[in-house]
Amino acid sequence: MRVQGWPTTTLGQVVEFFAGSSLPEGEPYGGQDGGYFLLKVSDMNLPGNEVTITHAKEWSTSPGARSATCPAGSIVIPKRGGAIATNKKRLITRPSVLDPNLMAAWPHPDVVDLRFLHQWFLTFDLASIASGSSIPQLNKRDLSPLPFPLPPIEEQHRIAEVLDRADELRAKRREALAQLDDLALGIFLETFGSPDTNPQGWPLIRLADVLAIPLRNGISPATRGEVEAEVLTLSSITGRRFDPMAKKTSTFLAPHSATQVVHPSDFLICRGNGNLGLVGRGFFPSEAMPDTAFPDTIIAARVERVCCTDR
């Protein structure tokens, strides 16, 4: 969120952080009033929880540890592992207990508008501030010093309302695109049959037989690397369309090779994610990106494109 003329503070000055811990015993949530959601990363992926956490798999009448029990009106994010790269930021509608893979930020209500804070959270890539090497992690130390713009509270309300309306329009557009995707899938299945059962007996060949070059992994970032380069994030291929804007600048031990550059003939596949449902998802890039590499969490399959005509 770029601003001009507003005073700036740090995130740690305007929010209270909550870090996850072991969850108390709970029971399946079935719409019970009151109590506490027992939240895990998987709850962020439940249908209907795309923006606001309205339900969870488990619930309890008792809170958990004080440092892990956040109030309604908090923003929850993943704090460990591959889930960080999914960039999920959810609003909480009731007090919730966080498991060790989550953390939350609760805004001081007399200083920061919750929706303004949420929109601010949406403006950056969580993975860009994660610490750790083999297992990415986020904690209070990473988030507290982040610069935070602080316009008057009335101005925050106005900005949040405008951005919320824009989000509603984008959501309607995504819904329309999803319906078109479902229509395309239905036409494909009606014409060719399910690839799982191959009812029409189409010939089968190995994936390797249609690749121009072998499968390959992307480039691995290095905390102490001396080479800077633009690289895709996993969110570039885990939505409904390839997103060329989902990229960041990282450091590497060596420059990337020509085979690790984003190419429109490469089918880019998610090879690892905290959400099992996203593993294997992929897209062809919508454009050539000769100055952007793909990361080691993505596998590239360079397809040998063959044009066939009737004779």
C-alpha atoms as a PDB file:
ATOM      1  CA  MET A   1       0.000   0.000   0.000  1.00  0.00           C
ATOM      2  CA  ARG A   2       1.870   3.071  -1.249  1.00  0.00           C
ATOM      3  CA  VAL A   3       1.035   6.322   0.499  1.00  0.00           C
ATOM      4  CA  GLN A   4       2.194   9.918   0.431  1.00  0.00           C
ATOM      5  CA  GLY A   5       2.196  12.393   3.267  1.00  0.00           C
ATOM      6  CA  TRP A   6       0.950  10.020   5.953  1.00  0.00           C
ATOM      7  CA  PRO A   7       2.907   9.434   9.158  1.00  0.00           C
ATOM      8  CA  THR A   8       4.561   6.025   9.353  1.00  0.00           C
ATOM      9  CA  THR A   9       5.004   3.777  12.354  1.00  0.00           C
ATOM     10  CA  THR A  10       5.859   0.076  12.624  1.00  0.00           C
ATOM     11  CA  LEU A  11       3.421  -2.820  12.613  1.00  0.00           C
ATOM     12  CA  GLY A  12       4.493  -3.861  16.101  1.00  0.00           C
ATOM     13  CA  GLN A  13       3.360  -0.497  17.485  1.00  0.00           C
ATOM     14  CA  VAL A  14      -0.250  -0.840  16.313  1.00  0.00           C
ATOM     15  CA  VAL A  15      -1.076  -4.564  16.681  1.00  0.00           C
ATOM     16  CA  GLU A  16      -0.821  -7.342  19.228  1.00  0.00           C
ATOM     17  CA  PHE A  17       0.635 -10.615  17.956  1.00  0.00           C
ATOM     18  CA  PHE A  18      -0.512 -14.110  18.853  1.00  0.00           C
ATOM     19  CA  ALA A  19       1.652 -17.172  18.163  1.00  0.00           C
ATOM     20  CA  GLY A  20       0.197 -20.657  17.861  1.00  0.00           C
ATOM     21  CA  SER A  21       0.722 -23.545  20.266  1.00  0.00           C
ATOM     22  CA  SER A  22      -0.769 -26.968  20.965  1.00  0.00           C
ATOM     23  CA  LEU A  23      -4.553 -27.009  20.610  1.00  0.00           C
ATOM     24  CA  PRO A  24      -6.825 -28.049  23.488  1.00  0.00           C
ATOM     25  CA  GLU A  25      -9.214 -30.953  23.130  1.00  0.00           C
ATOM     26  CA  GLY A  26     -12.157 -30.077  20.931  1.00  0.00           C
ATOM     27  CA  GLU A  27     -15.167 -31.469  19.126  1.00  0.00           C
ATOM     28  CA  PRO A  28     -16.425 -31.198  15.542  1.00  0.00           C
ATOM     29  CA  TYR A  29     -17.849 -27.757  14.793  1.00  0.00           C
ATOM     30  CA  GLY A  30     -21.476 -27.841  13.720  1.00  0.00           C
ATOM     31  CA  GLY A  31     -22.557 -24.233  14.109  1.00  0.00           C
ATOM     32  CA  GLN A  32     -22.359 -24.001  17.896  1.00  0.00           C
ATOM     33  CA  ASP A  33     -22.683 -20.515  19.377  1.00  0.00           C
ATOM     34  CA  GLY A  34     -19.892 -19.003  21.437  1.00  0.00           C
ATOM     35  CA  GLY A  35     -16.745 -20.921  22.277  1.00  0.00           C
ATOM     36  CA  TYR A  36     -13.538 -20.942  20.281  1.00  0.00           C
ATOM     37  CA  PHE A  37     -12.528 -22.139  16.843  1.00  0.00           C
ATOM     38  CA  LEU A  38      -9.514 -24.473  16.991  1.00  0.00           C
ATOM     39  CA  LEU A  39      -7.703 -23.304  13.876  1.00  0.00           C
ATOM     40  CA  LYS A  40      -5.248 -25.138  11.655  1.00  0.00           C
ATOM     41  CA  VAL A  41      -3.825 -24.139   8.282  1.00  0.00           C
ATOM     42  CA  SER A  42      -6.288 -26.509   6.605  1.00  0.00           C
ATOM     43  CA  ASP A  43      -9.206 -24.462   7.993  1.00  0.00           C
ATOM     44  CA  MET A  44      -8.061 -21.518   5.865  1.00  0.00           C
ATOM     45  CA  ASN A  45      -8.788 -23.637   2.779  1.00  0.00           C
ATOM     46  CA  LEU A  46     -12.359 -24.614   3.684  1.00  0.00           C
ATOM     47  CA  PRO A  47     -15.046 -23.403   1.229  1.00  0.00           C
ATOM     48  CA  GLY A  48     -16.449 -20.111   2.466  1.00  0.00           C
ATOM     49  CA  ASN A  49     -13.265 -19.195   4.359  1.00  0.00           C
ATOM     50  CA  GLU A  50     -11.594 -17.464   1.420  1.00  0.00           C
ATOM     51  CA  VAL A  51     -11.655 -14.034   3.112  1.00  0.00           C
ATOM     52  CA  THR A  52     -13.223 -14.502   6.553  1.00  0.00           C
ATOM     53  CA  ILE A  53     -13.000 -17.550   8.816  1.00  0.00           C
ATOM     54  CA  THR A  54     -16.667 -18.347   9.401  1.00  0.00           C
ATOM     55  CA  HIS A  55     -16.272 -22.012  10.379  1.00  0.00           C
ATOM     56  CA  ALA A  56     -13.628 -24.561  11.316  1.00  0.00           C
ATOM     57  CA  LYS A  57     -13.324 -28.319  11.592  1.00  0.00           C
ATOM     58  CA  GLU A  58     -13.047 -28.223  15.386  1.00  0.00           C
ATOM     59  CA  TRP A  59     -14.424 -26.087  18.210  1.00  0.00           C
ATOM     60  CA  SER A  60     -14.064 -25.888  21.964  1.00  0.00           C
ATOM     61  CA  THR A  61     -15.810 -24.254  24.897  1.00  0.00           C
ATOM     62  CA  SER A  62     -12.398 -23.613  26.482  1.00  0.00           C
ATOM     63  CA  PRO A  63      -9.591 -21.303  25.318  1.00  0.00           C
ATOM     64  CA  GLY A  64      -6.057 -22.465  24.753  1.00  0.00           C
ATOM     65  CA  ALA A  65      -2.857 -20.817  25.930  1.00  0.00           C
ATOM     66  CA  ARG A  66      -3.296 -17.061  26.341  1.00  0.00           C
ATOM     67  CA  SER A  67      -0.598 -16.271  23.777  1.00  0.00           C
ATOM     68  CA  ALA A  68      -2.306 -18.532  21.205  1.00  0.00           C
ATOM     69  CA  THR A  69      -5.935 -17.438  21.768  1.00  0.00           C
ATOM     70  CA  CYS A  70      -6.715 -14.397  19.635  1.00  0.00           C
ATOM     71  CA  PRO A  71      -9.887 -12.288  19.771  1.00  0.00           C
ATOM     72  CA  ALA A  72     -12.442 -11.787  17.018  1.00  0.00           C
ATOM     73  CA  GLY A  73     -11.275  -9.107  14.629  1.00  0.00           C
ATOM     74  CA  SER A  74      -7.781 -10.560  14.224  1.00  0.00           C
ATOM     75  CA  ILE A  75      -5.969 -11.425  11.007  1.00  0.00           C
ATOM     76  CA  VAL A  76      -4.514 -14.927  10.852  1.00  0.00           C
ATOM     77  CA  ILE A  77      -1.641 -15.994   8.580  1.00  0.00           C
ATOM     78  CA  PRO A  78       0.452 -19.168   8.127  1.00  0.00           C
ATOM     79  CA  LYS A  79       3.783 -18.960   9.933  1.00  0.00           C
ATOM     80  CA  ARG A  80       5.634 -22.162   9.021  1.00  0.00           C
ATOM     81  CA  GLY A  81       6.531 -24.241   5.980  1.00  0.00           C
ATOM     82  CA  GLY A  82       5.237 -24.163   2.441  1.00  0.00           C
ATOM     83  CA  ALA A  83       1.898 -22.663   3.500  1.00  0.00           C
ATOM     84  CA  ILE A  84       3.637 -19.285   3.865  1.00  0.00           C
ATOM     85  CA  ALA A  85       4.039 -19.135   0.077  1.00  0.00           C
ATOM     86  CA  THR A  86       0.250 -19.399  -0.377  1.00  0.00           C
ATOM     87  CA  ASN A  87      -0.005 -15.865   1.069  1.00  0.00           C
ATOM     88  CA  LYS A  88      -3.278 -16.456   2.868  1.00  0.00           C
ATOM     89  CA  LYS A  89      -4.495 -13.692   5.187  1.00  0.00           C
ATOM     90  CA  ARG A  90      -7.879 -14.363   6.809  1.00  0.00           C
ATOM     91  CA  LEU A  91     -10.157 -12.334   9.080  1.00  0.00           C
ATOM     92  CA  ILE A  92     -11.409 -14.071  12.246  1.00  0.00           C
ATOM     93  CA  THR A  93     -15.054 -13.660  13.277  1.00  0.00           C
ATOM     94  CA  ARG A  94     -14.863 -15.182  16.773  1.00  0.00           C
ATOM     95  CA  PRO A  95     -12.160 -15.916  19.372  1.00  0.00           C
ATOM     96  CA  SER A  96      -9.870 -18.646  18.068  1.00  0.00           C
ATOM     97  CA  VAL A  97      -7.034 -20.834  19.280  1.00  0.00           C
ATOM     98  CA  LEU A  98      -4.138 -21.129  16.818  1.00  0.00           C
ATOM     99  CA  ASP A  99      -2.091 -24.252  16.196  1.00  0.00           C
ATOM    100  CA  PRO A 100       1.749 -24.022  15.940  1.00  0.00           C
ATOM    101  CA  ASN A 101       1.632 -23.339  12.174  1.00  0.00           C
ATOM    102  CA  LEU A 102      -0.411 -20.127  12.506  1.00  0.00           C
ATOM    103  CA  MET A 103      -0.024 -16.652  13.967  1.00  0.00           C
ATOM    104  CA  ALA A 104      -2.352 -13.654  14.160  1.00  0.00           C
ATOM    105  CA  ALA A 105      -2.308  -9.876  14.463  1.00  0.00           C
ATOM    106  CA  TRP A 106      -5.036  -8.003  16.374  1.00  0.00           C
ATOM    107  CA  PRO A 107      -5.180  -4.236  15.664  1.00  0.00           C
ATOM    108  CA  HIS A 108      -5.514  -1.704  18.457  1.00  0.00           C
ATOM    109  CA  PRO A 109      -9.083  -0.589  17.589  1.00  0.00           C
ATOM    110  CA  ASP A 110      -8.658   3.076  18.528  1.00  0.00           C
ATOM    111  CA  VAL A 111      -5.651   3.375  16.204  1.00  0.00           C
ATOM    112  CA  VAL A 112      -6.127   0.999  13.252  1.00  0.00           C
ATOM    113  CA  ASP A 113      -9.211  -0.005  11.256  1.00  0.00           C
ATOM    114  CA  LEU A 114      -9.328  -3.803  10.885  1.00  0.00           C
ATOM    115  CA  ARG A 115     -10.226  -3.709   7.193  1.00  0.00           C
ATOM    116  CA  PHE A 116      -7.472  -1.166   6.514  1.00  0.00           C
ATOM    117  CA  LEU A 117      -4.991  -3.484   8.241  1.00  0.00           C
ATOM    118  CA  HIS A 118      -6.272  -6.433   6.192  1.00  0.00           C
ATOM    119  CA  GLN A 119      -5.836  -4.508   2.939  1.00  0.00           C
ATOM    120  CA  TRP A 120      -2.321  -3.581   4.017  1.00  0.00           C
ATOM    121  CA  PHE A 121      -1.530  -7.242   4.679  1.00  0.00           C
ATOM    122  CA  LEU A 122      -2.677  -8.077   1.146  1.00  0.00           C
ATOM    123  CA  THR A 123      -0.015  -5.814  -0.378  1.00  0.00           C
ATOM    124  CA  PHE A 124       3.061  -7.923   0.266  1.00  0.00           C
ATOM    125  CA  ASP A 125       4.355 -11.465  -0.150  1.00  0.00           C
ATOM    126  CA  LEU A 126       4.733 -13.261   3.188  1.00  0.00           C
ATOM    127  CA  ALA A 127       7.543 -15.413   1.798  1.00  0.00           C
ATOM    128  CA  SER A 128       9.646 -12.289   1.191  1.00  0.00           C
ATOM    129  CA  ILE A 129       9.984 -11.698   4.949  1.00  0.00           C
ATOM    130  CA  ALA A 130      10.153 -15.332   6.113  1.00  0.00           C
ATOM    131  CA  SER A 131      13.276 -16.467   7.943  1.00  0.00           C
ATOM    132  CA  GLY A 132      14.819 -19.921   8.038  1.00  0.00           C
ATOM    133  CA  SER A 133      16.522 -21.944   5.323  1.00  0.00           C
ATOM    134  CA  SER A 134      15.102 -25.446   4.808  1.00  0.00           C
ATOM    135  CA  ILE A 135      11.768 -24.668   6.550  1.00  0.00           C
ATOM    136  CA  PRO A 136      10.519 -21.067   6.100  1.00  0.00           C
ATOM    137  CA  GLN A 137       9.139 -19.453   9.239  1.00  0.00           C
ATOM    138  CA  LEU A 138       7.527 -16.197  10.320  1.00  0.00           C
ATOM    139  CA  ASN A 139       7.447 -14.749  13.809  1.00  0.00           C
ATOM    140  CA  LYS A 140       6.934 -11.496  15.663  1.00  0.00           C
ATOM    141  CA  ARG A 141      10.552 -10.540  15.039  1.00  0.00           C
ATOM    142  CA  ASP A 142       9.956 -10.615  11.255  1.00  0.00           C
ATOM    143  CA  LEU A 143       6.690  -8.654  11.296  1.00  0.00           C
ATOM    144  CA  SER A 144       7.117  -6.091  14.080  1.00  0.00           C
ATOM    145  CA  PRO A 145       9.595  -3.766  12.308  1.00  0.00           C
ATOM    146  CA  LEU A 146       7.617  -3.543   9.048  1.00  0.00           C
ATOM    147  CA  PRO A 147       6.791   0.109   8.202  1.00  0.00           C
ATOM    148  CA  PHE A 148       3.068   0.798   8.571  1.00  0.00           C
ATOM    149  CA  PRO A 149       1.258   3.888   7.199  1.00  0.00           C
ATOM    150  CA  LEU A 150      -1.000   5.568   9.730  1.00  0.00           C
ATOM    151  CA  PRO A 151      -3.531   8.014   8.261  1.00  0.00           C
ATOM    152  CA  PRO A 152      -6.322   9.335  10.517  1.00  0.00           C
ATOM    153  CA  ILE A 153      -8.780   6.628  11.528  1.00  0.00           C
ATOM    154  CA  GLU A 154     -11.591   8.243   9.487  1.00  0.00           C
ATOM    155  CA  GLU A 155      -9.382   8.136   6.394  1.00  0.00           C
ATOM    156  CA  GLN A 156      -8.611   4.480   7.105  1.00  0.00           C
ATOM    157  CA  HIS A 157     -12.360   3.733   7.157  1.00  0.00           C
ATOM    158  CA  ARG A 158     -12.831   5.476   3.793  1.00  0.00           C
ATOM    159  CA  ILE A 159      -9.871   3.714   2.146  1.00  0.00           C
ATOM    160  CA  ALA A 160     -10.990   0.332   3.453  1.00  0.00           C
ATOM    161  CA  GLU A 161     -14.509   0.826   2.083  1.00  0.00           C
ATOM    162  CA  VAL A 162     -13.181   1.684  -1.385  1.00  0.00           C
ATOM    163  CA  LEU A 163     -10.805  -1.280  -1.437  1.00  0.00           C
ATOM    164  CA  ASP A 164     -13.454  -3.652  -0.070  1.00  0.00           C
ATOM    165  CA  ARG A 165     -15.788  -2.675  -2.921  1.00  0.00           C
ATOM    166  CA  ALA A 166     -12.983  -3.338  -5.391  1.00  0.00           C
ATOM    167  CA  ASP A 167     -12.453  -6.756  -3.801  1.00  0.00           C
ATOM    168  CA  GLU A 168     -16.152  -7.543  -4.205  1.00  0.00           C
ATOM    169  CA  LEU A 169     -15.956  -6.737  -7.921  1.00  0.00           C
ATOM    170  CA  ARG A 170     -12.865  -8.934  -8.294  1.00  0.00           C
ATOM    171  CA  ALA A 171     -14.629 -11.761  -6.467  1.00  0.00           C
ATOM    172  CA  LYS A 172     -17.574 -11.563  -8.864  1.00  0.00           C
ATOM    173  CA  ARG A 173     -15.169 -11.639 -11.802  1.00  0.00           C
ATOM    174  CA  ARG A 174     -13.404 -14.714 -10.360  1.00  0.00           C
ATOM    175  CA  GLU A 175     -16.787 -16.414  -9.930  1.00  0.00           C
ATOM    176  CA  ALA A 176     -17.633 -15.736 -13.578  1.00  0.00           C
ATOM    177  CA  LEU A 177     -14.258 -17.105 -14.696  1.00  0.00           C
ATOM    178  CA  ALA A 178     -14.761 -20.185 -12.520  1.00  0.00           C
ATOM    179  CA  GLN A 179     -18.073 -20.862 -14.224  1.00  0.00           C
ATOM    180  CA  LEU A 180     -16.361 -20.597 -17.616  1.00  0.00           C
ATOM    181  CA  ASP A 181     -13.675 -23.023 -16.405  1.00  0.00           C
ATOM    182  CA  ASP A 182     -16.363 -25.499 -15.337  1.00  0.00           C
ATOM    183  CA  LEU A 183     -18.037 -25.129 -18.733  1.00  0.00           C
ATOM    184  CA  ALA A 184     -14.748 -25.787 -20.549  1.00  0.00           C
ATOM    185  CA  LEU A 185     -14.082 -28.860 -18.390  1.00  0.00           C
ATOM    186  CA  GLY A 186     -17.572 -30.182 -19.096  1.00  0.00           C
ATOM    187  CA  ILE A 187     -17.079 -29.773 -22.849  1.00  0.00           C
ATOM    188  CA  PHE A 188     -13.705 -31.531 -22.633  1.00  0.00           C
ATOM    189  CA  LEU A 189     -15.103 -34.487 -20.706  1.00  0.00           C
ATOM    190  CA  GLU A 190     -18.088 -34.790 -23.042  1.00  0.00           C
ATOM    191  CA  THR A 191     -15.823 -34.763 -26.099  1.00  0.00           C
ATOM    192  CA  PHE A 192     -12.865 -36.847 -24.940  1.00  0.00           C
ATOM    193  CA  GLY A 193     -14.029 -38.641 -21.800  1.00  0.00           C
ATOM    194  CA  SER A 194     -12.331 -38.717 -18.401  1.00  0.00           C
ATOM    195  CA  PRO A 195      -8.509 -39.049 -18.561  1.00  0.00           C
ATOM    196  CA  ASP A 196      -8.732 -41.344 -15.517  1.00  0.00           C
ATOM    197  CA  THR A 197     -10.847 -44.001 -17.234  1.00  0.00           C
ATOM    198  CA  ASN A 198     -10.161 -43.235 -20.938  1.00  0.00           C
ATOM    199  CA  PRO A 199     -13.574 -44.578 -22.050  1.00  0.00           C
ATOM    200  CA  GLN A 200     -12.862 -43.915 -25.721  1.00  0.00           C
ATOM    201  CA  GLY A 201      -9.620 -45.883 -25.703  1.00  0.00           C
ATOM    202  CA  TRP A 202      -7.302 -43.091 -26.805  1.00  0.00           C
ATOM    203  CA  PRO A 203      -3.663 -44.198 -27.291  1.00  0.00           C
ATOM    204  CA  LEU A 204      -1.466 -43.645 -24.220  1.00  0.00           C
ATOM    205  CA  ILE A 205       2.156 -42.489 -24.272  1.00  0.00           C
ATOM    206  CA  ARG A 206       4.664 -41.534 -21.598  1.00  0.00           C
ATOM    207  CA  LEU A 207       4.937 -37.904 -20.528  1.00  0.00           C
ATOM    208  CA  ALA A 208       8.636 -38.006 -21.414  1.00  0.00           C
ATOM    209  CA  ASP A 209       7.710 -38.693 -25.055  1.00  0.00           C
ATOM    210  CA  VAL A 210       6.065 -35.282 -25.462  1.00  0.00           C
ATOM    211  CA  LEU A 211       8.755 -33.223 -23.727  1.00  0.00           C
ATOM    212  CA  ALA A 212      11.267 -31.179 -25.693  1.00  0.00           C
ATOM    213  CA  ILE A 213      13.723 -31.347 -22.770  1.00  0.00           C
ATOM    214  CA  PRO A 214      13.598 -33.384 -19.512  1.00  0.00           C
ATOM    215  CA  LEU A 215      11.652 -32.282 -16.452  1.00  0.00           C
ATOM    216  CA  ARG A 216      13.629 -29.852 -14.321  1.00  0.00           C
ATOM    217  CA  ASN A 217      13.396 -28.033 -10.996  1.00  0.00           C
ATOM    218  CA  GLY A 218      13.777 -24.293 -10.512  1.00  0.00           C
ATOM    219  CA  ILE A 219      16.452 -22.321  -8.734  1.00  0.00           C
ATOM    220  CA  SER A 220      16.958 -22.475  -4.959  1.00  0.00           C
ATOM    221  CA  PRO A 221      17.199 -19.192  -2.998  1.00  0.00           C
ATOM    222  CA  ALA A 222      20.094 -18.696  -0.596  1.00  0.00           C
ATOM    223  CA  THR A 223      19.973 -16.473   2.484  1.00  0.00           C
ATOM    224  CA  ARG A 224      23.594 -15.410   1.951  1.00  0.00           C
ATOM    225  CA  GLY A 225      23.538 -15.455  -1.827  1.00  0.00           C
ATOM    226  CA  GLU A 226      25.251 -12.672  -3.730  1.00  0.00           C
ATOM    227  CA  VAL A 227      23.240 -12.861  -6.971  1.00  0.00           C
ATOM    228  CA  GLU A 228      19.876 -11.072  -7.089  1.00  0.00           C
ATOM    229  CA  ALA A 229      17.158 -12.180  -9.504  1.00  0.00           C
ATOM    230  CA  GLU A 230      13.418 -12.040  -9.970  1.00  0.00           C
ATOM    231  CA  VAL A 231      11.689 -15.351  -9.277  1.00  0.00           C
ATOM    232  CA  LEU A 232       8.070 -16.502  -9.363  1.00  0.00           C
ATOM    233  CA  THR A 233       6.243 -17.342  -6.144  1.00  0.00           C
ATOM    234  CA  LEU A 234       4.036 -20.419  -5.839  1.00  0.00           C
ATOM    235  CA  SER A 235       0.927 -18.238  -5.938  1.00  0.00           C
ATOM    236  CA  SER A 236       1.704 -17.606  -9.622  1.00  0.00           C
ATOM    237  CA  ILE A 237       0.398 -21.105 -10.425  1.00  0.00           C
ATOM    238  CA  THR A 238      -1.935 -22.008  -7.558  1.00  0.00           C
ATOM    239  CA  GLY A 239      -4.878 -19.792  -8.510  1.00  0.00           C
ATOM    240  CA  ARG A 240      -7.306 -20.159 -11.421  1.00  0.00           C
ATOM    241  CA  ARG A 241      -4.967 -18.450 -13.887  1.00  0.00           C
ATOM    242  CA  PHE A 242      -1.236 -17.999 -14.261  1.00  0.00           C
ATOM    243  CA  ASP A 243      -0.320 -14.779 -12.442  1.00  0.00           C
ATOM    244  CA  PRO A 244       2.804 -13.123 -13.919  1.00  0.00           C
ATOM    245  CA  MET A 245       2.750 -10.490 -11.153  1.00  0.00           C
ATOM    246  CA  ALA A 246       3.275 -13.101  -8.409  1.00  0.00           C
ATOM    247  CA  LYS A 247       7.049 -12.749  -8.227  1.00  0.00           C
ATOM    248  CA  LYS A 248       9.694 -11.328  -5.944  1.00  0.00           C
ATOM    249  CA  THR A 249      13.397 -10.488  -5.860  1.00  0.00           C
ATOM    250  CA  SER A 250      15.562 -13.036  -4.035  1.00  0.00           C
ATOM    251  CA  THR A 251      19.249 -13.811  -3.636  1.00  0.00           C
ATOM    252  CA  PHE A 252      20.967 -16.910  -5.054  1.00  0.00           C
ATOM    253  CA  LEU A 253      24.407 -18.487  -4.920  1.00  0.00           C
ATOM    254  CA  ALA A 254      24.744 -18.377  -8.714  1.00  0.00           C
ATOM    255  CA  PRO A 255      22.875 -16.946 -11.713  1.00  0.00           C
ATOM    256  CA  HIS A 256      20.003 -19.065 -12.999  1.00  0.00           C
ATOM    257  CA  SER A 257      20.482 -21.081 -16.166  1.00  0.00           C
ATOM    258  CA  ALA A 258      18.607 -20.614 -19.435  1.00  0.00           C
ATOM    259  CA  THR A 259      16.430 -23.643 -18.584  1.00  0.00           C
ATOM    260  CA  GLN A 260      15.258 -22.013 -15.327  1.00  0.00           C
ATOM    261  CA  VAL A 261      13.736 -18.966 -17.036  1.00  0.00           C
ATOM    262  CA  VAL A 262       9.949 -18.689 -17.399  1.00  0.00           C
ATOM    263  CA  HIS A 263       9.101 -19.803 -20.958  1.00  0.00           C
ATOM    264  CA  PRO A 264       5.600 -19.963 -22.525  1.00  0.00           C
ATOM    265  CA  SER A 265       6.166 -23.586 -23.656  1.00  0.00           C
ATOM    266  CA  ASP A 266       6.864 -24.728 -20.077  1.00  0.00           C
ATOM    267  CA  PHE A 267       4.020 -26.261 -18.109  1.00  0.00           C
ATOM    268  CA  LEU A 268       4.862 -25.090 -14.556  1.00  0.00           C
ATOM    269  CA  ILE A 269       3.811 -27.562 -11.844  1.00  0.00           C
ATOM    270  CA  CYS A 270       3.594 -27.045  -8.073  1.00  0.00           C
ATOM    271  CA  ARG A 271       5.867 -29.739  -6.573  1.00  0.00           C
ATOM    272  CA  GLY A 272       5.334 -29.022  -2.887  1.00  0.00           C
ATOM    273  CA  ASN A 273       2.827 -27.115  -0.727  1.00  0.00           C
ATOM    274  CA  GLY A 274       1.316 -27.157   2.749  1.00  0.00           C
ATOM    275  CA  ASN A 275      -2.056 -27.622   1.056  1.00  0.00           C
ATOM    276  CA  LEU A 276      -1.999 -31.108  -0.517  1.00  0.00           C
ATOM    277  CA  GLY A 277      -4.781 -30.081  -2.897  1.00  0.00           C
ATOM    278  CA  LEU A 278      -2.437 -27.627  -4.626  1.00  0.00           C
ATOM    279  CA  VAL A 279       0.367 -30.146  -5.250  1.00  0.00           C
ATOM    280  CA  GLY A 280       0.443 -30.959  -8.960  1.00  0.00           C
ATOM    281  CA  ARG A 281      -1.529 -27.874 -10.011  1.00  0.00           C
ATOM    282  CA  GLY A 282       0.022 -25.995 -12.904  1.00  0.00           C
ATOM    283  CA  PHE A 283      -0.306 -23.651 -15.859  1.00  0.00           C
ATOM    284  CA  PHE A 284       1.440 -22.559 -19.004  1.00  0.00           C
ATOM    285  CA  PRO A 285       2.764 -19.009 -18.524  1.00  0.00           C
ATOM    286  CA  SER A 286       0.715 -16.420 -20.359  1.00  0.00           C
ATOM    287  CA  GLU A 287       3.866 -14.719 -21.632  1.00  0.00           C
ATOM    288  CA  ALA A 288       7.617 -15.082 -21.949  1.00  0.00           C
ATOM    289  CA  MET A 289       9.478 -13.727 -18.901  1.00  0.00           C
ATOM    290  CA  PRO A 290      13.162 -13.847 -19.911  1.00  0.00           C
ATOM    291  CA  ASP A 291      14.315 -11.989 -16.787  1.00  0.00           C
ATOM    292  CA  THR A 292      12.345 -14.131 -14.316  1.00  0.00           C
ATOM    293  CA  ALA A 293      13.267 -17.589 -13.039  1.00  0.00           C
ATOM    294  CA  PHE A 294      10.991 -20.169 -11.424  1.00  0.00           C
ATOM    295  CA  PRO A 295      11.782 -21.470  -7.905  1.00  0.00           C
ATOM    296  CA  ASP A 296      12.731 -24.938  -6.690  1.00  0.00           C
ATOM    297  CA  THR A 297       9.147 -25.461  -5.494  1.00  0.00           C
ATOM    298  CA  ILE A 298       8.094 -25.622  -9.167  1.00  0.00           C
ATOM    299  CA  ILE A 299       8.795 -28.300 -11.795  1.00  0.00           C
ATOM    300  CA  ALA A 300       8.881 -27.254 -15.460  1.00  0.00           C
ATOM    301  CA  ALA A 301       7.769 -29.518 -18.314  1.00  0.00           C
ATOM    302  CA  ARG A 302       8.793 -28.137 -21.717  1.00  0.00           C
ATOM    303  CA  VAL A 303       6.153 -29.509 -24.064  1.00  0.00           C
ATOM    304  CA  GLU A 304       7.032 -30.392 -27.655  1.00  0.00           C
ATOM    305  CA  ARG A 305       4.205 -28.614 -29.420  1.00  0.00           C
ATOM    306  CA  VAL A 306       3.085 -30.481 -32.555  1.00  0.00           C
ATOM    307  CA  CYS A 307       0.560 -29.118 -35.025  1.00  0.00           C
ATOM    308  CA  CYS A 308      -1.472 -31.770 -36.813  1.00  0.00           C
ATOM    309  CA  THR A 309      -3.632 -31.266 -39.901  1.00  0.00           C
ATOM    310  CA  ASP A 310      -5.954 -33.562 -41.820  1.00  0.00           C
ATOM    311  CA  ARG A 311      -4.576 -34.893 -45.082  1.00  0.00           C
END
